């Protein structure tokens, strides 16, 4: 199966009530034009979840290590802004995000001014 794209939501001084997308086994792809993408990942599940944000940066045949973080059960994390040079996949403006588990995990893609 393919990655699932999720829409970005613009944060502003007028406020934003974000819409969340459930985590999926094949991972998400999110547009990151401009490098102002922040991900909000919440874990309502009973177990900690490992989230991997894939690095797309390669120099001299060496790939930069992926960003791996743990979202404890019953909590949430913000990550970003995500630098396009580091996180966009080669030839695209997409960031790829993978999850070790999906039960109870939701994500929102936020664009900050």
N, C-alpha and C. Protein backbone atom coordinates (compact mmCIF):
# COMPACT_ATOMS: atom_id res chain seq x y z
N UNK A 1 0.84 -1.18 0.00
CA UNK A 1 0.00 0.00 0.00
C UNK A 1 0.89 1.25 0.00
N UNK A 2 0.27 2.37 -0.21
CA UNK A 2 1.02 3.63 -0.31
C UNK A 2 0.79 4.49 0.94
N UNK A 3 1.70 5.43 1.11
CA UNK A 3 1.55 6.40 2.19
C UNK A 3 0.26 7.18 1.98
N UNK A 4 -0.30 7.64 3.09
CA UNK A 4 -1.53 8.43 3.04
C UNK A 4 -1.15 9.89 3.23
N UNK A 5 -1.61 10.73 2.31
CA UNK A 5 -1.36 12.17 2.42
C UNK A 5 -2.34 12.78 3.41
N UNK A 6 -1.83 13.73 4.19
CA UNK A 6 -2.73 14.47 5.08
C UNK A 6 -2.57 15.96 4.78
N UNK A 7 -3.65 16.69 4.96
CA UNK A 7 -3.68 18.11 4.67
C UNK A 7 -3.02 18.92 5.78
N UNK A 8 -2.37 20.00 5.37
CA UNK A 8 -1.79 20.93 6.32
C UNK A 8 -2.85 21.94 6.72
N UNK A 9 -2.72 22.46 7.95
CA UNK A 9 -3.67 23.43 8.48
C UNK A 9 -2.91 24.67 8.94
N UNK A 10 -3.37 25.83 8.53
CA UNK A 10 -2.67 27.08 8.81
C UNK A 10 -2.98 27.58 10.22
N UNK A 11 -1.95 27.78 11.02
CA UNK A 11 -2.09 28.37 12.34
C UNK A 11 -2.07 29.89 12.17
N UNK A 12 -2.95 30.59 12.88
CA UNK A 12 -2.97 32.05 12.78
C UNK A 12 -3.35 32.66 14.12
N UNK A 13 -3.28 34.00 14.18
CA UNK A 13 -3.66 34.68 15.41
C UNK A 13 -5.18 34.65 15.63
N UNK A 14 -5.94 34.18 14.65
CA UNK A 14 -7.39 34.01 14.80
C UNK A 14 -7.71 32.68 15.49
N UNK A 15 -6.70 31.84 15.65
CA UNK A 15 -6.88 30.55 16.32
C UNK A 15 -7.13 29.42 15.33
N UNK A 16 -6.91 28.22 15.79
CA UNK A 16 -7.13 27.03 14.96
C UNK A 16 -7.54 25.88 15.87
N UNK A 17 -8.64 25.25 15.54
CA UNK A 17 -9.01 23.99 16.16
C UNK A 17 -8.61 22.92 15.15
N UNK A 18 -7.50 22.23 15.39
CA UNK A 18 -6.97 21.33 14.36
C UNK A 18 -7.86 20.11 14.14
N UNK A 19 -7.84 19.64 12.90
CA UNK A 19 -8.46 18.36 12.55
C UNK A 19 -7.35 17.31 12.61
N UNK A 20 -7.66 16.17 13.18
CA UNK A 20 -6.66 15.11 13.33
C UNK A 20 -6.93 13.98 12.36
N UNK A 21 -5.85 13.36 11.92
CA UNK A 21 -5.93 12.17 11.07
C UNK A 21 -5.40 11.00 11.87
N UNK A 22 -6.04 9.84 11.78
CA UNK A 22 -5.53 8.68 12.50
C UNK A 22 -4.22 8.20 11.86
N UNK A 23 -3.30 7.75 12.70
CA UNK A 23 -2.07 7.16 12.20
C UNK A 23 -2.42 5.92 11.37
N UNK A 24 -1.64 5.67 10.33
CA UNK A 24 -1.88 4.52 9.46
C UNK A 24 -0.61 3.68 9.36
N UNK A 25 -0.81 2.39 9.15
CA UNK A 25 0.32 1.46 9.13
C UNK A 25 1.34 1.78 8.05
N UNK A 26 0.89 2.32 6.90
CA UNK A 26 1.81 2.63 5.81
C UNK A 26 2.46 4.00 5.96
N UNK A 27 2.10 4.75 6.99
CA UNK A 27 2.71 6.05 7.24
C UNK A 27 2.03 7.17 6.47
N UNK A 28 2.43 8.38 6.80
CA UNK A 28 1.87 9.58 6.17
C UNK A 28 2.90 10.28 5.30
N UNK A 29 2.40 11.05 4.34
CA UNK A 29 3.19 11.97 3.53
C UNK A 29 2.54 13.34 3.69
N UNK A 30 3.36 14.36 3.98
CA UNK A 30 2.85 15.70 4.19
C UNK A 30 3.69 16.68 3.38
N UNK A 31 3.03 17.59 2.66
CA UNK A 31 3.75 18.62 1.90
C UNK A 31 4.46 19.56 2.87
N UNK A 32 5.70 19.94 2.51
CA UNK A 32 6.53 20.77 3.38
C UNK A 32 7.17 21.91 2.61
N UNK A 33 6.45 22.51 1.69
CA UNK A 33 6.99 23.65 0.96
C UNK A 33 7.15 24.81 1.93
N UNK A 34 8.32 25.42 1.96
CA UNK A 34 8.55 26.57 2.82
C UNK A 34 9.13 26.26 4.18
N UNK A 35 9.12 25.02 4.59
CA UNK A 35 9.77 24.64 5.84
C UNK A 35 9.09 25.13 7.10
N UNK A 36 7.78 25.37 7.05
CA UNK A 36 7.06 25.85 8.23
C UNK A 36 6.11 24.80 8.77
N UNK A 37 6.42 23.54 8.49
CA UNK A 37 5.58 22.43 8.91
C UNK A 37 5.94 22.00 10.34
N UNK A 38 4.92 21.91 11.18
CA UNK A 38 5.04 21.39 12.54
C UNK A 38 4.03 20.25 12.67
N UNK A 39 4.47 19.13 13.19
CA UNK A 39 3.57 18.00 13.40
C UNK A 39 3.17 17.94 14.87
N UNK A 40 1.89 17.67 15.11
CA UNK A 40 1.38 17.45 16.46
C UNK A 40 0.91 16.01 16.50
N UNK A 41 1.53 15.20 17.33
CA UNK A 41 1.23 13.78 17.39
C UNK A 41 0.75 13.46 18.80
N UNK A 42 -0.46 12.90 18.89
CA UNK A 42 -1.00 12.55 20.20
C UNK A 42 -1.26 11.06 20.26
N UNK A 43 -1.00 10.52 21.43
CA UNK A 43 -1.10 9.08 21.65
C UNK A 43 -2.07 8.81 22.79
N UNK A 44 -3.29 8.44 22.45
CA UNK A 44 -4.30 8.09 23.46
C UNK A 44 -4.25 6.60 23.77
N UNK A 45 -3.33 5.89 23.17
CA UNK A 45 -3.22 4.45 23.38
C UNK A 45 -2.61 4.10 24.74
N UNK A 46 -2.56 2.81 25.03
CA UNK A 46 -2.05 2.32 26.31
C UNK A 46 -0.54 2.08 26.29
N UNK A 47 0.07 2.10 25.12
CA UNK A 47 1.50 1.83 24.97
C UNK A 47 2.22 3.03 24.35
N UNK A 48 3.50 3.19 24.69
CA UNK A 48 4.32 4.21 24.03
C UNK A 48 4.40 3.88 22.53
N UNK A 49 4.52 4.93 21.71
CA UNK A 49 4.62 4.77 20.26
C UNK A 49 5.90 5.45 19.78
N UNK A 50 6.61 4.77 18.91
CA UNK A 50 7.79 5.35 18.28
C UNK A 50 7.37 5.95 16.95
N UNK A 51 7.72 7.23 16.76
CA UNK A 51 7.41 7.93 15.53
C UNK A 51 8.74 8.22 14.83
N UNK A 52 8.81 7.90 13.54
CA UNK A 52 10.02 8.13 12.75
C UNK A 52 9.70 9.13 11.66
N UNK A 53 10.45 10.22 11.64
CA UNK A 53 10.35 11.19 10.56
C UNK A 53 11.57 10.94 9.68
N UNK A 54 11.30 10.47 8.47
CA UNK A 54 12.36 10.03 7.57
C UNK A 54 13.18 11.21 7.04
N UNK A 55 14.48 11.09 7.15
CA UNK A 55 15.37 12.09 6.57
C UNK A 55 15.50 11.82 5.07
N UNK A 56 15.50 12.89 4.29
CA UNK A 56 15.71 12.75 2.86
C UNK A 56 17.07 13.28 2.44
N UNK A 57 17.89 13.66 3.43
CA UNK A 57 19.17 14.33 3.15
C UNK A 57 20.28 13.31 2.95
N UNK A 58 20.92 13.40 1.79
CA UNK A 58 22.06 12.53 1.49
C UNK A 58 23.17 13.39 0.91
N UNK A 59 24.39 13.15 1.38
CA UNK A 59 25.56 13.87 0.87
C UNK A 59 26.69 12.87 0.72
N UNK A 60 27.34 12.86 -0.43
CA UNK A 60 28.45 11.94 -0.65
C UNK A 60 28.07 10.49 -0.47
N UNK A 61 26.82 10.15 -0.78
CA UNK A 61 26.36 8.78 -0.63
C UNK A 61 25.99 8.39 0.78
N UNK A 62 26.10 9.32 1.73
CA UNK A 62 25.75 9.04 3.12
C UNK A 62 24.42 9.70 3.45
N UNK A 63 23.50 8.92 4.03
CA UNK A 63 22.18 9.43 4.39
C UNK A 63 22.18 9.87 5.85
N UNK A 64 21.61 11.06 6.10
CA UNK A 64 21.44 11.54 7.46
C UNK A 64 20.45 10.64 8.19
N UNK A 65 20.73 10.36 9.44
CA UNK A 65 19.87 9.49 10.25
C UNK A 65 18.47 10.07 10.38
N UNK A 66 17.45 9.20 10.40
CA UNK A 66 16.07 9.62 10.60
C UNK A 66 15.88 10.16 12.01
N UNK A 67 14.89 11.03 12.18
CA UNK A 67 14.52 11.54 13.51
C UNK A 67 13.55 10.53 14.12
N UNK A 68 13.90 9.96 15.26
CA UNK A 68 13.07 8.98 15.95
C UNK A 68 12.73 9.53 17.32
N UNK A 69 11.44 9.56 17.63
CA UNK A 69 11.02 10.05 18.93
C UNK A 69 9.95 9.15 19.51
N UNK A 70 9.83 9.18 20.81
CA UNK A 70 8.84 8.38 21.51
C UNK A 70 7.72 9.29 22.00
N UNK A 71 6.49 8.87 21.73
CA UNK A 71 5.32 9.57 22.26
C UNK A 71 4.75 8.65 23.34
N UNK A 72 4.93 9.02 24.61
CA UNK A 72 4.44 8.17 25.69
C UNK A 72 2.92 8.01 25.64
N UNK A 73 2.46 6.89 26.16
CA UNK A 73 1.02 6.64 26.24
C UNK A 73 0.36 7.78 26.99
N UNK A 74 -0.77 8.26 26.46
CA UNK A 74 -1.53 9.31 27.12
C UNK A 74 -0.95 10.70 27.00
N UNK A 75 -0.04 10.92 26.07
CA UNK A 75 0.56 12.25 25.92
C UNK A 75 0.64 12.64 24.45
N UNK A 76 1.23 13.80 24.21
CA UNK A 76 1.35 14.31 22.85
C UNK A 76 2.65 15.09 22.72
N UNK A 77 3.13 15.23 21.48
CA UNK A 77 4.35 16.00 21.22
C UNK A 77 4.16 16.86 19.97
N UNK A 78 4.85 17.99 19.97
CA UNK A 78 5.02 18.81 18.78
C UNK A 78 6.42 18.53 18.25
N UNK A 79 6.58 18.50 16.93
CA UNK A 79 7.91 18.38 16.35
C UNK A 79 7.97 19.28 15.11
N UNK A 80 9.01 20.09 15.06
CA UNK A 80 9.17 21.00 13.93
C UNK A 80 9.49 22.40 14.42
N UNK A 81 9.59 23.33 13.50
CA UNK A 81 9.41 23.21 12.07
C UNK A 81 10.44 22.27 11.45
N UNK A 82 9.99 21.58 10.40
CA UNK A 82 10.81 20.56 9.75
C UNK A 82 11.54 21.17 8.55
N UNK A 83 12.85 21.25 8.66
CA UNK A 83 13.71 21.83 7.62
C UNK A 83 13.60 21.01 6.33
N UNK A 84 13.18 21.63 5.23
CA UNK A 84 13.04 20.88 3.97
C UNK A 84 14.34 20.23 3.50
N UNK A 85 15.47 20.86 3.76
CA UNK A 85 16.76 20.29 3.34
C UNK A 85 17.01 18.95 4.01
N UNK A 86 16.57 18.83 5.23
CA UNK A 86 16.80 17.61 6.01
C UNK A 86 15.70 16.58 5.80
N UNK A 87 14.43 17.02 5.81
CA UNK A 87 13.32 16.07 5.89
C UNK A 87 12.56 15.82 4.60
N UNK A 88 12.61 16.71 3.62
CA UNK A 88 11.89 16.44 2.37
C UNK A 88 12.54 15.29 1.63
N UNK A 89 11.72 14.41 1.10
CA UNK A 89 12.21 13.27 0.35
C UNK A 89 12.76 13.75 -1.00
N UNK A 90 13.81 13.11 -1.50
CA UNK A 90 14.46 13.56 -2.73
C UNK A 90 13.47 13.75 -3.89
N UNK A 91 13.57 14.90 -4.54
CA UNK A 91 12.74 15.19 -5.70
C UNK A 91 11.30 15.55 -5.38
N UNK A 92 10.98 15.71 -4.09
CA UNK A 92 9.61 16.04 -3.69
C UNK A 92 9.64 17.14 -2.64
N UNK A 93 8.47 17.59 -2.25
CA UNK A 93 8.35 18.50 -1.10
C UNK A 93 7.60 17.78 0.02
N UNK A 94 7.74 16.46 0.07
CA UNK A 94 7.02 15.66 1.06
C UNK A 94 7.93 15.22 2.21
N UNK A 95 7.33 15.24 3.40
CA UNK A 95 7.94 14.64 4.59
C UNK A 95 7.22 13.32 4.83
N UNK A 96 7.98 12.27 5.15
CA UNK A 96 7.40 10.96 5.41
C UNK A 96 7.48 10.65 6.90
N UNK A 97 6.36 10.18 7.45
CA UNK A 97 6.26 9.89 8.88
C UNK A 97 5.74 8.47 9.06
N UNK A 98 6.42 7.70 9.90
CA UNK A 98 6.04 6.32 10.17
C UNK A 98 5.77 6.14 11.66
N UNK A 99 4.96 5.13 11.99
CA UNK A 99 4.54 4.87 13.37
C UNK A 99 4.78 3.41 13.71
N UNK A 100 5.25 3.14 14.94
CA UNK A 100 5.46 1.76 15.36
C UNK A 100 4.14 1.07 15.68
N UNK A 101 3.12 1.85 16.00
CA UNK A 101 1.77 1.35 16.28
C UNK A 101 0.80 2.46 15.92
N UNK A 102 -0.44 2.10 15.64
CA UNK A 102 -1.40 3.11 15.21
C UNK A 102 -2.61 3.24 16.11
N UNK A 103 -2.86 2.27 16.98
CA UNK A 103 -4.04 2.32 17.85
C UNK A 103 -3.98 3.53 18.77
N UNK A 104 -4.98 4.39 18.67
CA UNK A 104 -5.08 5.55 19.54
C UNK A 104 -4.16 6.71 19.17
N UNK A 105 -3.49 6.62 18.01
CA UNK A 105 -2.55 7.66 17.60
C UNK A 105 -3.19 8.53 16.52
N UNK A 106 -3.17 9.85 16.75
CA UNK A 106 -3.68 10.83 15.80
C UNK A 106 -2.60 11.85 15.52
N UNK A 107 -2.71 12.50 14.36
CA UNK A 107 -1.69 13.48 13.97
C UNK A 107 -2.37 14.66 13.28
N UNK A 108 -1.80 15.83 13.49
CA UNK A 108 -2.22 17.03 12.76
C UNK A 108 -0.99 17.68 12.17
N UNK A 109 -1.09 18.10 10.91
CA UNK A 109 0.00 18.79 10.21
C UNK A 109 -0.32 20.28 10.24
N UNK A 110 0.53 21.06 10.90
CA UNK A 110 0.27 22.48 11.11
C UNK A 110 1.30 23.32 10.38
N UNK A 111 0.83 24.39 9.74
CA UNK A 111 1.72 25.37 9.12
C UNK A 111 1.79 26.58 10.04
N UNK A 112 2.98 26.91 10.49
CA UNK A 112 3.15 28.07 11.36
C UNK A 112 3.55 29.29 10.52
N UNK A 113 3.10 30.47 10.95
CA UNK A 113 3.46 31.67 10.17
C UNK A 113 4.95 31.97 10.21
